[in-house]
Amino acid sequence: MRVGVDARHLTAGRGVARYTRALLGALAAAHPEDEWLAFVPGRAPVRRVPAGVRLVRHPLPGRALFGAAAVTGRPRLDGLLGGGVDVVWAPAPAPLAVSPGVPLVLTVHDRSFEERPADFTLYERVWHRLARPRALARRAAAVVCDTSAGRDDLARAWRVEATVVSPGPLIDRTERARARAAVNGGAPYLLFVGALEPRKAPDVLADAYARARARGLEAELVVLGEGRVPIGGAGVRRVPPAADDRELAALYAGALAVVAPSWLEGFGLPPVEAAALGTPSVVTDLPVFAETLGAGALRVAPGDAAGLADALVRIAADDALRAELGAAARQSAVRYDWGRSAQAMHAVLAAAAAR
C-alpha cells in the first residue's frame, strides 16, 4: 500500500504535529512493507522525520499551494507526491485537494473552529472556511477521531460516522521510567502544558491561580506553551518548549498535578501523558476527560475560576489525594498505546484503499 500523508504540520511543534509524527512513526515501524510518503511544502525545517517515512518537499509555501487547492482544486496532493497513491491521510481538517477516485482518510480532533470561532484569529477563521471541514468529511472514505465522545459529537453535528483511533502518550516507556526515578522532591509546582490560546483558557487559569495564592498556595505554576494569551503574575514561571521527551517527562513526573482548564478538547494529550507517569490532573468537566482519565483527576466546571482555585489548593495540600488520583490516572492511561493506535489506523487506511 502506498500512503500519502498531508504532513504540513511537521514544521511546527504543537499538538497536531506531535500526533502526526508519533502515529506516522508507529505506522511505518509496524508496516515497513507499505510506502509512507509525507508531503511538507515550503522550506521550513522538519523536526524529526520518523524512520521509514519518505519526506516529499515542494519549494512553494503551504499557504500558496493549499490556498490554490482550496479555491481551484489544484494542485492535488496525490499528484504532488508523484507516482500516485492508494490512499491519502489528512491528520487534521485543512485546505486540501485530492483527485477523484483517490480515497481520503480524515482525522478530526475536535470542532473548536465551529463551536468557538471567536477563539481564532481572522486569518485562522478564513483558513478554516477554505478547508470546508464538513464537506471534506463527507468526501472522505473514512473519518477518524480520538475518542468516543468525539465520535458521538461528529454523529450529532455532522451526521458523519467516525472510527475511534485514540492517540497514545507521546513519551515512551523508557523515558517515563527515567522520569519517575529522577523525581527528588524539589520545590512543588503545578504544570500547564499547551497552547496559550483562548480555547485552552489560560486566562481562567491565571485568575484561579492568583486566587489560590491569596489563600496560601505556595506551589509555583509552571507554564510550558506559546500563544497570544498572556499568563503571568506572582508564582508563575514560564519555561521554553521542552527540548526532548526526557525533559518533558521530567516536568510531568515532578509536578503535583497537571492543570487543563480548557473550554473544549478533542483528546487532551498533556493529562494523559502525565497520567502515564502517575501524575494526576485538575481538568474541566468535559466528556472527553471522563473518558480518558476516569477517576484520575479533579474536575471543575469550564470557566469557573473560583472552583478551579479550590481544586488547586486541595490537590496541592493533600498527599493522599494525589496518590489516589495518580494511581487511578496511571490505570486509565494503560489503555493508550501508539502500537494499538497504529494497528487501528492501518486497518482504516487499508479498508479505504481497497474501496
Protein backbone atom coordinates (compact mmCIF):
# COMPACT_ATOMS: atom_id res chain seq x y z
CA MET A 1 0.00 0.00 0.00
CA ARG A 2 1.28 3.46 -0.93
CA VAL A 3 0.07 6.05 1.57
CA GLY A 4 0.30 9.80 1.02
CA VAL A 5 0.20 11.96 4.14
CA ASP A 6 -0.60 15.66 4.41
CA ALA A 7 2.32 16.30 6.76
CA ARG A 8 2.36 20.11 6.59
CA HIS A 9 2.19 20.25 10.41
CA LEU A 10 5.61 18.63 10.86
CA THR A 11 7.32 22.02 10.61
CA ALA A 12 5.53 23.10 13.81
CA GLY A 13 5.66 21.84 17.37
CA ARG A 14 2.05 21.84 18.54
CA GLY A 15 -0.41 19.04 19.14
CA VAL A 16 -1.26 18.06 15.55
CA ALA A 17 2.45 17.94 14.69
CA ARG A 18 3.23 15.68 17.63
CA TYR A 19 0.21 13.49 16.83
CA THR A 20 1.17 13.20 13.15
CA ARG A 21 4.81 12.41 13.89
CA ALA A 22 4.00 9.79 16.54
CA LEU A 23 1.27 7.95 14.64
CA LEU A 24 3.11 8.07 11.32
CA GLY A 25 6.23 6.72 13.02
CA ALA A 26 4.25 3.91 14.63
CA LEU A 27 2.60 3.06 11.31
CA ALA A 28 5.91 2.96 9.44
CA ALA A 29 7.51 0.83 12.15
CA ALA A 30 4.64 -1.66 12.21
CA HIS A 31 4.18 -1.81 8.43
CA PRO A 32 7.52 -1.42 6.63
CA GLU A 33 6.02 -3.29 3.69
CA ASP A 34 3.96 -0.17 2.91
CA GLU A 35 5.33 3.06 1.46
CA TRP A 36 4.79 6.14 3.63
CA LEU A 37 5.09 9.48 1.83
CA ALA A 38 4.92 12.65 3.94
CA PHE A 39 4.28 15.83 1.96
CA VAL A 40 5.58 19.06 3.51
CA PRO A 41 5.51 22.31 1.50
CA GLY A 42 7.90 25.23 1.88
CA ARG A 43 11.45 25.41 3.14
CA ALA A 44 10.95 25.38 6.92
CA PRO A 45 12.90 22.58 8.61
CA VAL A 46 11.05 19.41 9.55
CA ARG A 47 11.67 18.21 13.06
CA ARG A 48 12.42 14.50 13.43
CA VAL A 49 11.14 12.67 10.36
CA PRO A 50 10.08 9.20 11.55
CA ALA A 51 12.17 6.26 10.39
CA GLY A 52 10.70 4.50 7.37
CA VAL A 53 8.95 7.66 6.14
CA ARG A 54 9.97 9.37 2.92
CA LEU A 55 9.73 13.15 3.05
CA VAL A 56 8.45 14.88 -0.10
CA ARG A 57 9.05 18.65 -0.24
CA HIS A 58 7.88 21.45 -2.50
CA PRO A 59 9.56 24.86 -2.72
CA LEU A 60 6.30 26.83 -2.60
CA PRO A 61 4.85 27.60 0.84
CA GLY A 62 1.77 25.82 2.08
CA ARG A 63 -0.39 28.94 2.00
CA ALA A 64 0.14 29.25 -1.74
CA LEU A 65 -0.23 25.56 -2.57
CA PHE A 66 -3.12 24.71 -0.31
CA GLY A 67 -4.87 28.03 -0.79
CA ALA A 68 -4.90 27.43 -4.53
CA ALA A 69 -6.05 23.86 -3.98
CA ALA A 70 -8.99 25.05 -1.88
CA VAL A 71 -10.12 27.59 -4.49
CA THR A 72 -9.33 25.86 -7.81
CA GLY A 73 -8.98 22.17 -6.89
CA ARG A 74 -5.34 22.24 -7.98
CA PRO A 75 -2.73 21.14 -7.14
CA ARG A 76 -3.90 17.79 -5.85
CA LEU A 77 -1.95 16.25 -3.01
CA ASP A 78 -1.68 12.82 -4.62
CA GLY A 79 -0.22 14.45 -7.74
CA LEU A 80 2.34 16.39 -5.70
CA LEU A 81 3.58 13.11 -4.25
CA GLY A 82 4.38 11.68 -7.68
CA GLY A 83 3.53 8.24 -8.98
CA GLY A 84 0.09 8.08 -7.43
CA VAL A 85 -1.01 6.73 -4.06
CA ASP A 86 -3.52 4.18 -2.86
CA VAL A 87 -4.89 6.40 -0.09
CA VAL A 88 -4.33 9.87 1.36
CA TRP A 89 -4.36 10.57 5.09
CA ALA A 90 -5.06 14.09 6.37
CA PRO A 91 -4.24 14.24 10.12
CA ALA A 92 -6.48 17.31 10.57
CA PRO A 93 -9.00 19.28 8.50
CA ALA A 94 -7.18 21.83 6.32
CA PRO A 95 -7.49 23.25 2.79
CA LEU A 96 -6.74 20.28 0.54
CA ALA A 97 -7.48 18.85 -2.89
CA VAL A 98 -7.33 15.13 -3.75
CA SER A 99 -8.01 13.56 -7.14
CA PRO A 100 -11.42 11.95 -7.70
CA GLY A 101 -11.17 8.23 -7.10
CA VAL A 102 -8.32 8.57 -4.58
CA PRO A 103 -9.67 7.64 -1.15
CA LEU A 104 -9.15 10.12 1.68
CA VAL A 105 -8.94 9.30 5.39
CA LEU A 106 -9.52 12.38 7.54
CA THR A 107 -8.77 12.80 11.24
CA VAL A 108 -11.00 15.28 13.07
CA HIS A 109 -9.73 16.05 16.57
CA ASP A 110 -12.49 18.46 17.57
CA ARG A 111 -14.90 21.08 16.21
CA SER A 112 -13.41 24.07 18.04
CA PHE A 113 -13.46 26.05 14.78
CA GLU A 114 -17.26 25.68 14.73
CA GLU A 115 -18.03 25.75 18.44
CA ARG A 116 -15.76 28.66 19.41
CA PRO A 117 -14.85 30.54 16.22
CA ALA A 118 -14.12 33.76 18.12
CA ASP A 119 -11.16 31.99 19.76
CA PHE A 120 -9.32 32.09 16.43
CA THR A 121 -7.68 34.93 14.54
CA LEU A 122 -9.27 36.32 11.38
CA TYR A 123 -6.66 34.53 9.28
CA GLU A 124 -7.37 31.23 11.06
CA ARG A 125 -11.12 31.64 10.53
CA VAL A 126 -10.62 32.27 6.82
CA TRP A 127 -8.35 29.22 6.59
CA HIS A 128 -10.95 27.07 8.37
CA ARG A 129 -13.58 28.28 5.89
CA LEU A 130 -11.34 27.40 2.96
CA ALA A 131 -10.83 23.94 4.45
CA ARG A 132 -14.59 23.22 4.37
CA PRO A 133 -14.27 20.59 7.13
CA ARG A 134 -17.80 19.23 6.80
CA ALA A 135 -17.51 18.81 3.04
CA LEU A 136 -14.08 17.25 3.48
CA ALA A 137 -15.54 14.76 5.97
CA ARG A 138 -18.40 13.88 3.64
CA ARG A 139 -15.96 13.40 0.75
CA ALA A 140 -13.69 11.17 2.86
CA ALA A 141 -13.76 7.39 2.54
CA ALA A 142 -13.31 7.26 6.32
CA VAL A 143 -13.26 9.73 9.19
CA VAL A 144 -11.18 9.10 12.30
CA CYS A 145 -11.46 10.79 15.69
CA ASP A 146 -9.64 10.47 19.02
CA THR A 147 -12.39 9.44 21.44
CA SER A 148 -15.88 8.02 21.71
CA ALA A 149 -17.02 11.47 22.86
CA GLY A 150 -15.63 12.93 19.63
CA ARG A 151 -17.27 10.22 17.54
CA ASP A 152 -20.66 10.93 19.12
CA ASP A 153 -20.21 14.67 18.60
CA LEU A 154 -19.48 14.21 14.88
CA ALA A 155 -22.51 11.96 14.53
CA ARG A 156 -24.75 14.60 16.11
CA ALA A 157 -23.28 17.69 14.45
CA TRP A 158 -22.26 16.45 11.02
CA ARG A 159 -24.16 13.16 10.68
CA VAL A 160 -20.82 11.53 9.91
CA GLU A 161 -19.79 8.08 11.10
CA ALA A 162 -16.26 8.06 12.52
CA THR A 163 -13.86 5.40 13.76
CA VAL A 164 -12.11 5.96 17.08
CA VAL A 165 -8.32 5.74 16.89
CA SER A 166 -7.03 7.10 20.17
CA PRO A 167 -3.55 8.62 20.46
CA GLY A 168 -1.03 7.33 22.98
CA PRO A 169 1.26 9.15 25.41
CA LEU A 170 3.99 10.82 23.39
CA ILE A 171 6.66 9.83 25.91
CA ASP A 172 7.97 6.29 25.61
CA ARG A 173 8.14 3.85 28.50
CA THR A 174 11.91 4.26 28.92
CA GLU A 175 11.62 7.99 29.42
CA ARG A 176 8.69 7.50 31.80
CA ALA A 177 10.75 5.16 33.95
CA ARG A 178 13.72 7.53 33.96
CA ALA A 179 11.49 10.46 34.87
CA ARG A 180 9.88 8.65 37.80
CA ALA A 181 13.30 7.63 39.09
CA ALA A 182 14.64 11.20 38.81
CA VAL A 183 11.95 12.92 40.91
CA ASN A 184 13.73 14.16 44.02
CA GLY A 185 11.27 16.29 45.95
CA GLY A 186 12.26 19.74 44.66
CA ALA A 187 10.15 22.88 45.03
CA PRO A 188 6.48 21.98 44.44
CA TYR A 189 4.76 23.13 41.28
CA LEU A 190 1.59 22.74 39.25
CA LEU A 191 2.04 22.33 35.48
CA PHE A 192 0.21 23.68 32.44
CA VAL A 193 1.24 22.31 29.03
CA GLY A 194 -0.46 23.59 25.91
CA ALA A 195 -1.11 26.44 23.54
CA LEU A 196 -1.79 29.79 25.20
CA GLU A 197 -4.94 30.23 23.16
CA PRO A 198 -8.48 31.16 24.27
CA ARG A 199 -9.94 27.65 23.98
CA LYS A 200 -7.30 26.40 26.45
CA ALA A 201 -8.46 29.06 28.98
CA PRO A 202 -5.08 30.33 30.24
CA ASP A 203 -6.86 33.49 31.42
CA VAL A 204 -9.14 31.40 33.65
CA LEU A 205 -6.09 29.55 34.98
CA ALA A 206 -4.28 32.81 35.76
CA ASP A 207 -7.29 34.10 37.69
CA ALA A 208 -7.72 30.83 39.58
CA TYR A 209 -4.04 30.60 40.45
CA ALA A 210 -3.98 34.16 41.79
CA ARG A 211 -6.99 33.33 43.99
CA ALA A 212 -5.29 30.17 45.22
CA ARG A 213 -2.09 32.11 46.02
CA ALA A 214 -4.14 34.60 48.04
CA ARG A 215 -5.40 31.63 50.08
CA GLY A 216 -1.86 30.46 50.85
CA LEU A 217 -0.96 28.16 47.95
CA GLU A 218 2.84 28.06 47.79
CA ALA A 219 3.35 25.83 44.77
CA GLU A 220 4.55 27.55 41.62
CA LEU A 221 2.60 27.41 38.38
CA VAL A 222 4.96 26.24 35.62
CA VAL A 223 3.68 27.11 32.13
CA LEU A 224 5.03 25.36 29.04
CA GLY A 225 3.36 26.78 25.99
CA GLU A 226 3.22 29.57 23.47
CA GLY A 227 0.39 31.67 22.09
CA ARG A 228 -1.29 35.02 22.08
CA VAL A 229 -2.99 34.94 25.51
CA PRO A 230 -0.54 36.18 28.15
CA ILE A 231 -0.24 34.48 31.51
CA GLY A 232 1.89 35.74 34.36
CA GLY A 233 1.89 37.07 37.90
CA ALA A 234 3.40 36.09 41.21
CA GLY A 235 4.43 32.44 41.30
CA VAL A 236 4.01 31.87 37.56
CA ARG A 237 7.12 30.56 35.81
CA ARG A 238 7.23 30.33 32.02
CA VAL A 239 9.55 27.68 30.61
CA PRO A 240 10.63 27.21 26.98
CA PRO A 241 9.29 24.30 24.94
CA ALA A 242 10.81 21.01 26.04
CA ALA A 243 13.92 20.15 24.05
CA ASP A 244 13.10 16.44 24.06
CA ASP A 245 10.85 13.80 25.61
CA ARG A 246 13.18 13.32 28.56
CA GLU A 247 12.80 16.96 29.60
CA LEU A 248 9.03 16.87 29.18
CA ALA A 249 8.74 13.58 31.07
CA ALA A 250 10.71 15.06 33.97
CA LEU A 251 8.35 18.05 34.11
CA TYR A 252 5.30 15.76 34.20
CA ALA A 253 6.78 13.41 36.78
CA GLY A 254 7.84 16.20 39.14
CA ALA A 255 4.54 18.08 39.12
CA LEU A 256 1.99 17.94 41.90
CA ALA A 257 -0.64 17.90 39.15
CA VAL A 258 -1.21 18.94 35.56
CA VAL A 259 -3.87 21.62 35.09
CA ALA A 260 -6.07 21.64 31.96
CA PRO A 261 -8.82 24.28 32.26
CA SER A 262 -9.88 24.00 28.59
CA TRP A 263 -13.27 25.05 27.33
CA LEU A 264 -13.21 22.04 24.99
CA GLU A 265 -10.82 19.25 23.97
CA GLY A 266 -10.69 16.53 21.36
CA PHE A 267 -8.41 14.33 23.45
CA GLY A 268 -6.18 16.39 25.76
CA LEU A 269 -2.71 14.87 25.48
CA PRO A 270 -0.96 16.52 28.48
CA PRO A 271 -3.23 14.99 31.16
CA VAL A 272 -2.89 11.55 29.52
CA GLU A 273 0.89 11.90 29.27
CA ALA A 274 1.00 12.92 32.92
CA ALA A 275 -1.29 10.01 33.80
CA ALA A 276 1.17 7.57 32.21
CA LEU A 277 3.68 8.81 34.81
CA GLY A 278 1.22 8.56 37.70
CA THR A 279 0.70 12.32 37.93
CA PRO A 280 -2.93 13.40 38.48
CA SER A 281 -4.68 16.33 36.84
CA VAL A 282 -7.14 19.09 37.53
CA VAL A 283 -9.36 19.38 34.47
CA THR A 284 -12.64 20.82 33.31
CA ASP A 285 -15.68 18.61 33.50
CA LEU A 286 -15.75 17.55 29.85
CA PRO A 287 -16.90 14.16 28.50
CA VAL A 288 -13.50 13.61 26.88
CA PHE A 289 -11.66 13.85 30.22
CA ALA A 290 -14.12 11.48 31.87
CA GLU A 291 -13.31 9.02 29.07
CA THR A 292 -9.52 9.38 29.07
CA LEU A 293 -8.76 9.90 32.77
CA GLY A 294 -11.52 8.08 34.59
CA ALA A 295 -11.10 8.72 38.32
CA GLY A 296 -7.59 10.13 37.84
CA ALA A 297 -8.46 13.83 38.06
CA LEU A 298 -10.32 16.52 39.94
CA ARG A 299 -12.96 18.19 37.78
CA VAL A 300 -14.36 21.71 37.74
CA ALA A 301 -16.87 23.48 35.51
CA PRO A 302 -15.38 25.22 32.46
CA GLY A 303 -14.75 28.88 33.17
CA ASP A 304 -15.18 28.52 36.95
CA ALA A 305 -12.10 30.31 38.31
CA ALA A 306 -13.28 30.05 41.93
CA GLY A 307 -13.89 26.30 41.62
CA LEU A 308 -10.53 25.83 39.91
CA ALA A 309 -8.80 27.75 42.72
CA ASP A 310 -10.45 25.44 45.27
CA ALA A 311 -9.22 22.39 43.33
CA LEU A 312 -5.65 23.74 43.10
CA VAL A 313 -5.50 24.41 46.83
CA ARG A 314 -6.98 21.00 47.59
CA ILE A 315 -4.72 18.91 45.37
CA ALA A 316 -1.55 20.75 46.41
CA ALA A 317 -2.27 20.22 50.11
CA ASP A 318 -3.38 16.57 50.14
CA ASP A 319 -0.66 13.95 49.56
CA ALA A 320 -3.09 11.06 49.97
CA LEU A 321 -5.49 12.52 47.41
CA ARG A 322 -2.70 12.96 44.89
CA ALA A 323 -1.54 9.38 45.40
CA GLU A 324 -5.08 8.06 44.95
CA LEU A 325 -5.74 10.12 41.84
CA GLY A 326 -2.30 9.36 40.42
CA ALA A 327 -2.84 5.61 40.72
CA ALA A 328 -6.23 5.86 39.03
CA ALA A 329 -4.74 8.06 36.30
CA ARG A 330 -1.98 5.57 35.54
CA GLN A 331 -4.52 2.76 35.32
CA SER A 332 -6.56 4.76 32.81
CA ALA A 333 -3.51 5.66 30.72
CA VAL A 334 -2.59 1.98 30.21
CA ARG A 335 -5.31 1.83 27.55
CA TYR A 336 -3.46 4.27 25.31
CA ASP A 337 -0.56 3.00 23.26
CA TRP A 338 0.80 4.02 19.86
CA GLY A 339 1.23 0.41 18.78
CA ARG A 340 -2.51 -0.17 19.19
CA SER A 341 -3.20 3.20 17.55
CA ALA A 342 -1.14 2.18 14.51
CA GLN A 343 -2.92 -1.17 14.24
CA ALA A 344 -6.33 0.51 14.26
CA MET A 345 -5.30 3.26 11.86
CA HIS A 346 -3.72 0.84 9.40
CA ALA A 347 -6.96 -1.11 9.26
CA VAL A 348 -8.85 2.09 8.40
CA LEU A 349 -6.31 3.06 5.70
CA ALA A 350 -6.28 -0.43 4.18
CA ALA A 351 -10.09 -0.60 4.08
CA ALA A 352 -10.25 2.81 2.42
CA ALA A 353 -7.59 1.84 -0.15
CA ALA A 354 -9.49 -1.31 -1.02
CA ARG A 355 -12.67 0.53 -1.96
